[in-house]
Amino acid sequence: MTVNQALYLTKHKVSAANIEQPSSEAELLLCYVLGISKAELYSEPERVLSPAEIRKLQHLVQRRLHLEPMAYILECCEFYGIGFYVNQDVLIPRPETELLVEEAIEFAHQDFPLGRQLIVADIGTGSGAIAVSLAVALPQAVIYATDISASALRVARANCRRHKVDERVTLLCGNLLEPLPGPVDMVVANLPYVRSCELKTLSQEIVTFEPMTALAGGEDGLDRIRALLHQLPEKVYAGGCLLLEVGQGQAEAVRSLISSYFPQANMSSIPDLSGIDRAIKVTL
């Protein structure tokens, strides 16, 4: 089987399963199997695949036909311009979460008082995407990353090593803010916020393969956010910042909840590119 033939057959199978962008997915799978770039893929159309390469491609195609997310198959996902290792122990980083990174960097550059080292906590770090992105962008910052899942922290550790920030990101296993050794200047958190009634409406790709503990936020989607706010007073310095990602339609409820814990706090909602309030910034 040549590259051209493999590309055609893979595209046909993916398309027959009603998976979007079959050409792009076929290219990604074949490039991954052969260990080549897209440009190389089309420059060697008559290259013959070895039997081992054919078997590997067939195996990966079957995984995709069972709707396993491409990020898990390729063990890679891009976030904030950086490639991250992912597996089924962690949620696949979403583009909208990049908004938290952008806002955290802006706070560090504009709002943080000079003369003291910035201390940041990424809560519910999962793959470590936020923590690593901040460590790359803010080389002078001290960064803690917590998660209740030891298996998720193993993925985060691999990503810290991959991007050579493992000496500057301290990974801590435990519930939300509890593992932090002391107060921090900024808390960044993308916590589970999907309402119980909405879990069944998620796509099969998400429900079957992504960890529910990273998605399920309780009846109103705010259980983990409440728990974080309860822990927050002794964990953030005065004048510090909290950045939360929230689900569509949740911003008003989250602002009200924050006000009940911190009536003097300054709050602002931050829309994503679609105009949806996706993050809440709180100055304490």
Protein backbone atom coordinates (compact mmCIF):
# COMPACT_ATOMS: atom_id res chain seq x y z
CA MET A 1 0.00 0.00 0.00
CA THR A 2 1.35 3.41 -0.99
CA VAL A 3 0.96 6.69 0.86
CA ASN A 4 -1.60 7.84 -1.70
CA GLN A 5 -3.65 4.68 -1.29
CA ALA A 6 -3.46 4.81 2.51
CA LEU A 7 -4.54 8.44 2.50
CA TYR A 8 -7.53 7.70 0.25
CA LEU A 9 -8.68 4.66 2.23
CA THR A 10 -8.31 6.40 5.59
CA LYS A 11 -10.21 9.46 4.39
CA HIS A 12 -12.99 7.23 3.04
CA LYS A 13 -13.36 5.32 6.31
CA VAL A 14 -13.37 8.45 8.45
CA SER A 15 -15.85 10.16 6.15
CA ALA A 16 -18.18 7.14 6.22
CA ALA A 17 -18.31 7.46 10.02
CA ASN A 18 -19.61 11.05 9.66
CA ILE A 19 -16.54 12.47 11.36
CA GLU A 20 -15.87 16.08 10.42
CA GLN A 21 -12.81 17.07 8.37
CA PRO A 22 -11.95 13.54 7.13
CA SER A 23 -9.12 14.75 4.89
CA SER A 24 -7.39 16.57 7.74
CA GLU A 25 -7.82 13.63 10.10
CA ALA A 26 -6.49 11.17 7.53
CA GLU A 27 -3.41 13.34 7.06
CA LEU A 28 -2.82 13.59 10.82
CA LEU A 29 -3.09 9.84 11.35
CA LEU A 30 -0.81 8.98 8.44
CA CYS A 31 1.78 11.59 9.40
CA TYR A 32 1.76 10.23 12.95
CA VAL A 33 2.22 6.62 11.81
CA LEU A 34 5.03 7.47 9.40
CA GLY A 35 6.67 10.10 11.62
CA ILE A 36 6.70 12.71 8.85
CA SER A 37 5.32 16.19 8.19
CA LYS A 38 2.34 17.02 5.98
CA ALA A 39 4.71 18.41 3.36
CA GLU A 40 6.68 15.14 3.35
CA LEU A 41 3.42 13.21 3.11
CA TYR A 42 2.59 14.80 -0.23
CA SER A 43 6.15 14.80 -1.53
CA GLU A 44 6.37 10.99 -1.34
CA PRO A 45 2.96 9.77 -2.63
CA GLU A 46 4.36 6.47 -3.94
CA ARG A 47 6.19 5.57 -0.75
CA VAL A 48 5.22 2.03 0.27
CA LEU A 49 4.11 1.46 3.85
CA SER A 50 5.66 -1.44 5.71
CA PRO A 51 3.41 -4.16 7.14
CA ALA A 52 4.00 -2.77 10.64
CA GLU A 53 3.01 0.73 9.50
CA ILE A 54 -0.16 -0.60 7.88
CA ARG A 55 -1.13 -2.47 11.06
CA LYS A 56 -0.50 0.61 13.19
CA LEU A 57 -2.55 2.81 10.85
CA GLN A 58 -5.43 0.35 10.85
CA HIS A 59 -5.38 0.21 14.65
CA LEU A 60 -5.44 3.99 14.99
CA VAL A 61 -8.20 4.34 12.41
CA GLN A 62 -10.34 1.88 14.37
CA ARG A 63 -9.80 3.93 17.52
CA ARG A 64 -10.96 7.04 15.70
CA LEU A 65 -13.98 5.25 14.24
CA HIS A 66 -14.97 4.44 17.82
CA LEU A 67 -14.89 8.25 18.34
CA GLU A 68 -11.82 8.37 20.53
CA PRO A 69 -10.63 12.01 20.37
CA MET A 70 -7.74 12.62 18.01
CA ALA A 71 -5.75 14.28 20.80
CA TYR A 72 -5.70 11.00 22.75
CA ILE A 73 -4.80 8.97 19.68
CA LEU A 74 -1.91 11.27 18.79
CA GLU A 75 -1.12 11.87 22.49
CA CYS A 76 -0.75 15.54 21.70
CA CYS A 77 -2.78 18.74 21.89
CA GLU A 78 -1.80 22.32 21.14
CA PHE A 79 -2.61 24.95 23.75
CA TYR A 80 -1.45 28.57 23.73
CA GLY A 81 0.94 27.74 20.90
CA ILE A 82 2.58 24.92 22.84
CA GLY A 83 2.31 21.17 22.25
CA PHE A 84 1.17 19.14 25.26
CA TYR A 85 1.16 15.41 25.93
CA VAL A 86 -2.33 14.20 26.86
CA ASN A 87 -3.99 10.89 27.64
CA GLN A 88 -7.34 9.80 29.05
CA ASP A 89 -6.27 10.72 32.59
CA VAL A 90 -6.71 14.40 31.73
CA LEU A 91 -9.20 16.67 30.03
CA ILE A 92 -8.13 17.79 26.57
CA PRO A 93 -7.21 21.51 26.86
CA ARG A 94 -9.72 23.77 25.09
CA PRO A 95 -8.90 26.95 23.15
CA GLU A 96 -11.27 29.03 25.32
CA THR A 97 -9.12 28.26 28.37
CA GLU A 98 -6.28 30.22 26.75
CA LEU A 99 -8.21 33.30 27.90
CA LEU A 100 -7.19 32.51 31.49
CA VAL A 101 -3.53 32.42 30.48
CA GLU A 102 -3.82 35.74 28.66
CA GLU A 103 -5.49 37.42 31.63
CA ALA A 104 -2.97 35.95 34.09
CA ILE A 105 -0.06 37.28 32.03
CA GLU A 106 -1.71 40.70 31.83
CA PHE A 107 -2.16 40.78 35.62
CA ALA A 108 1.48 39.81 36.10
CA HIS A 109 2.72 42.55 33.78
CA GLN A 110 0.35 45.39 34.67
CA ASP A 111 -1.21 44.90 38.07
CA PHE A 112 1.36 43.09 40.15
CA PRO A 113 3.47 45.34 42.40
CA LEU A 114 7.13 45.49 41.48
CA GLY A 115 9.82 44.33 43.85
CA ARG A 116 8.34 40.99 44.88
CA GLN A 117 8.35 37.65 43.10
CA LEU A 118 4.97 36.65 41.71
CA ILE A 119 3.50 33.45 43.16
CA VAL A 120 0.83 31.71 41.06
CA ALA A 121 -1.35 28.68 41.76
CA ASP A 122 -3.01 26.70 38.96
CA ILE A 123 -5.81 24.75 40.62
CA GLY A 124 -7.05 21.55 38.99
CA THR A 125 -4.07 21.58 36.64
CA GLY A 126 -4.86 18.37 34.72
CA SER A 127 -2.33 18.17 31.90
CA GLY A 128 -0.50 21.19 33.29
CA ALA A 129 -1.40 23.29 30.25
CA ILE A 130 -2.07 26.50 32.21
CA ALA A 131 0.85 26.08 34.62
CA VAL A 132 3.37 25.29 31.89
CA SER A 133 2.13 28.10 29.63
CA LEU A 134 2.50 30.57 32.51
CA ALA A 135 5.92 29.23 33.43
CA VAL A 136 7.09 29.75 29.83
CA ALA A 137 5.61 33.25 29.64
CA LEU A 138 6.60 34.35 33.17
CA PRO A 139 10.09 32.92 33.78
CA GLN A 140 10.53 34.79 37.07
CA ALA A 141 7.30 33.53 38.66
CA VAL A 142 6.94 30.80 41.27
CA ILE A 143 4.19 28.43 40.14
CA TYR A 144 2.27 25.78 42.05
CA ALA A 145 -0.07 23.36 40.28
CA THR A 146 -2.52 21.22 42.22
CA ASP A 147 -4.78 18.34 41.27
CA ILE A 148 -6.66 15.72 43.23
CA SER A 149 -5.70 13.09 40.65
CA ALA A 150 -2.25 11.52 40.95
CA SER A 151 -2.53 10.15 37.40
CA ALA A 152 -3.26 13.64 36.07
CA LEU A 153 -0.20 14.97 37.87
CA ARG A 154 1.94 12.36 36.12
CA VAL A 155 0.80 13.84 32.81
CA ALA A 156 1.50 17.36 34.08
CA ARG A 157 4.96 16.28 35.21
CA ALA A 158 5.72 14.91 31.74
CA ASN A 159 4.71 18.25 30.23
CA CYS A 160 6.79 20.21 32.71
CA ARG A 161 9.81 18.15 31.73
CA ARG A 162 9.00 18.40 28.05
CA HIS A 163 9.07 22.19 28.21
CA LYS A 164 11.94 22.37 30.71
CA VAL A 165 9.98 24.11 33.48
CA ASP A 166 9.95 21.20 35.93
CA GLU A 167 12.28 23.07 38.30
CA ARG A 168 9.94 26.08 38.42
CA VAL A 169 6.53 24.37 38.60
CA THR A 170 5.79 22.56 41.86
CA LEU A 171 3.14 19.88 41.45
CA LEU A 172 1.00 19.14 44.52
CA CYS A 173 -1.58 16.38 44.97
CA GLY A 174 -4.65 17.34 46.95
CA ASN A 175 -8.02 19.05 47.05
CA LEU A 176 -7.99 22.47 45.38
CA LEU A 177 -6.03 25.01 47.50
CA GLU A 178 -5.36 22.71 50.44
CA PRO A 179 -1.88 21.52 49.30
CA LEU A 180 -0.50 25.06 48.90
CA PRO A 181 2.29 25.77 51.38
CA GLY A 182 1.21 29.39 51.86
CA PRO A 183 -0.58 32.36 50.29
CA VAL A 184 -0.17 33.18 46.62
CA ASP A 185 -0.65 36.32 44.52
CA MET A 186 -2.82 34.76 41.87
CA VAL A 187 -5.11 31.73 41.64
CA VAL A 188 -6.02 30.49 38.17
CA ALA A 189 -8.62 27.75 37.99
CA ASN A 190 -10.47 25.89 35.26
CA LEU A 191 -12.61 23.69 37.50
CA PRO A 192 -15.40 21.25 36.57
CA TYR A 193 -18.50 23.32 35.81
CA VAL A 194 -20.84 21.16 33.72
CA ARG A 195 -24.28 20.86 35.33
CA SER A 196 -25.48 17.34 36.16
CA CYS A 197 -28.41 17.68 33.74
CA GLU A 198 -26.04 18.66 30.93
CA LEU A 199 -23.64 15.74 31.23
CA LYS A 200 -25.90 13.48 29.15
CA THR A 201 -26.03 16.09 26.38
CA LEU A 202 -22.26 16.09 25.84
CA SER A 203 -20.87 14.45 22.72
CA GLN A 204 -20.01 10.77 22.75
CA GLU A 205 -16.35 11.64 22.30
CA ILE A 206 -16.39 13.53 25.60
CA VAL A 207 -18.64 11.22 27.61
CA THR A 208 -16.88 8.01 26.59
CA PHE A 209 -13.27 9.10 26.79
CA GLU A 210 -12.68 12.23 28.87
CA PRO A 211 -12.56 12.04 32.70
CA MET A 212 -15.93 12.95 34.21
CA THR A 213 -14.25 14.16 37.39
CA ALA A 214 -12.78 16.99 35.32
CA LEU A 215 -16.20 17.96 33.96
CA ALA A 216 -18.97 17.29 36.50
CA GLY A 217 -19.74 20.37 38.59
CA GLY A 218 -22.84 19.18 40.45
CA GLU A 219 -26.48 20.16 40.10
CA ASP A 220 -25.81 23.80 39.18
CA GLY A 221 -22.24 23.28 37.99
CA LEU A 222 -20.75 25.35 40.80
CA ASP A 223 -19.87 22.77 43.46
CA ARG A 224 -16.10 22.94 42.93
CA ILE A 225 -16.14 26.73 42.58
CA ARG A 226 -17.95 27.00 45.95
CA ALA A 227 -15.36 24.73 47.53
CA LEU A 228 -12.52 26.84 46.14
CA LEU A 229 -14.07 30.11 47.36
CA HIS A 230 -14.49 28.60 50.84
CA GLN A 231 -10.75 27.84 50.95
CA LEU A 232 -9.62 31.09 49.37
CA PRO A 233 -9.39 33.68 52.22
CA GLU A 234 -6.19 32.35 53.78
CA LYS A 235 -4.61 31.35 50.48
CA VAL A 236 -4.39 34.67 48.59
CA TYR A 237 -2.54 37.85 49.55
CA ALA A 238 -4.50 41.10 49.82
CA GLY A 239 -4.65 42.67 46.39
CA GLY A 240 -4.27 39.28 44.80
CA CYS A 241 -6.20 37.96 41.84
CA LEU A 242 -8.55 35.06 41.16
CA LEU A 243 -9.22 33.99 37.58
CA LEU A 244 -12.01 31.46 37.01
CA GLU A 245 -13.28 29.85 33.84
CA VAL A 246 -17.07 29.46 33.83
CA GLY A 247 -19.59 27.74 31.61
CA GLN A 248 -21.94 29.43 29.18
CA GLY A 249 -24.65 31.26 31.10
CA GLN A 250 -22.96 30.85 34.49
CA ALA A 251 -21.20 34.20 34.83
CA GLU A 252 -23.98 35.98 36.72
CA ALA A 253 -24.43 33.12 39.19
CA VAL A 254 -20.67 32.92 39.78
CA ARG A 255 -20.40 36.69 40.34
CA SER A 256 -23.24 36.48 42.88
CA LEU A 257 -21.52 33.58 44.61
CA ILE A 258 -18.21 35.42 44.77
CA SER A 259 -19.95 38.50 46.23
CA SER A 260 -21.40 36.38 49.01
CA TYR A 261 -17.88 35.33 50.03
CA PHE A 262 -16.04 38.56 49.20
CA PRO A 263 -18.46 41.52 49.19
CA GLN A 264 -15.65 44.08 48.75
CA ALA A 265 -13.97 42.34 45.84
CA ASN A 266 -13.74 43.94 42.41
CA MET A 267 -15.04 41.71 39.65
CA SER A 268 -15.19 41.73 35.89
CA SER A 269 -16.44 39.25 33.30
CA ILE A 270 -14.23 38.49 30.33
CA PRO A 271 -15.84 37.36 27.06
CA ASP A 272 -14.32 34.85 24.68
CA LEU A 273 -14.08 35.40 20.92
CA SER A 274 -17.74 34.40 20.57
CA GLY A 275 -18.82 37.08 23.03
CA ILE A 276 -19.67 34.54 25.74
CA ASP A 277 -18.62 35.47 29.28
CA ARG A 278 -15.99 32.78 29.74
CA ALA A 279 -13.87 34.01 32.65
CA ILE A 280 -14.33 35.94 35.85
CA LYS A 281 -11.49 38.12 37.17
CA VAL A 282 -11.62 38.95 40.87
CA THR A 283 -9.28 41.36 42.67
CA LEU A 284 -9.34 40.60 46.37
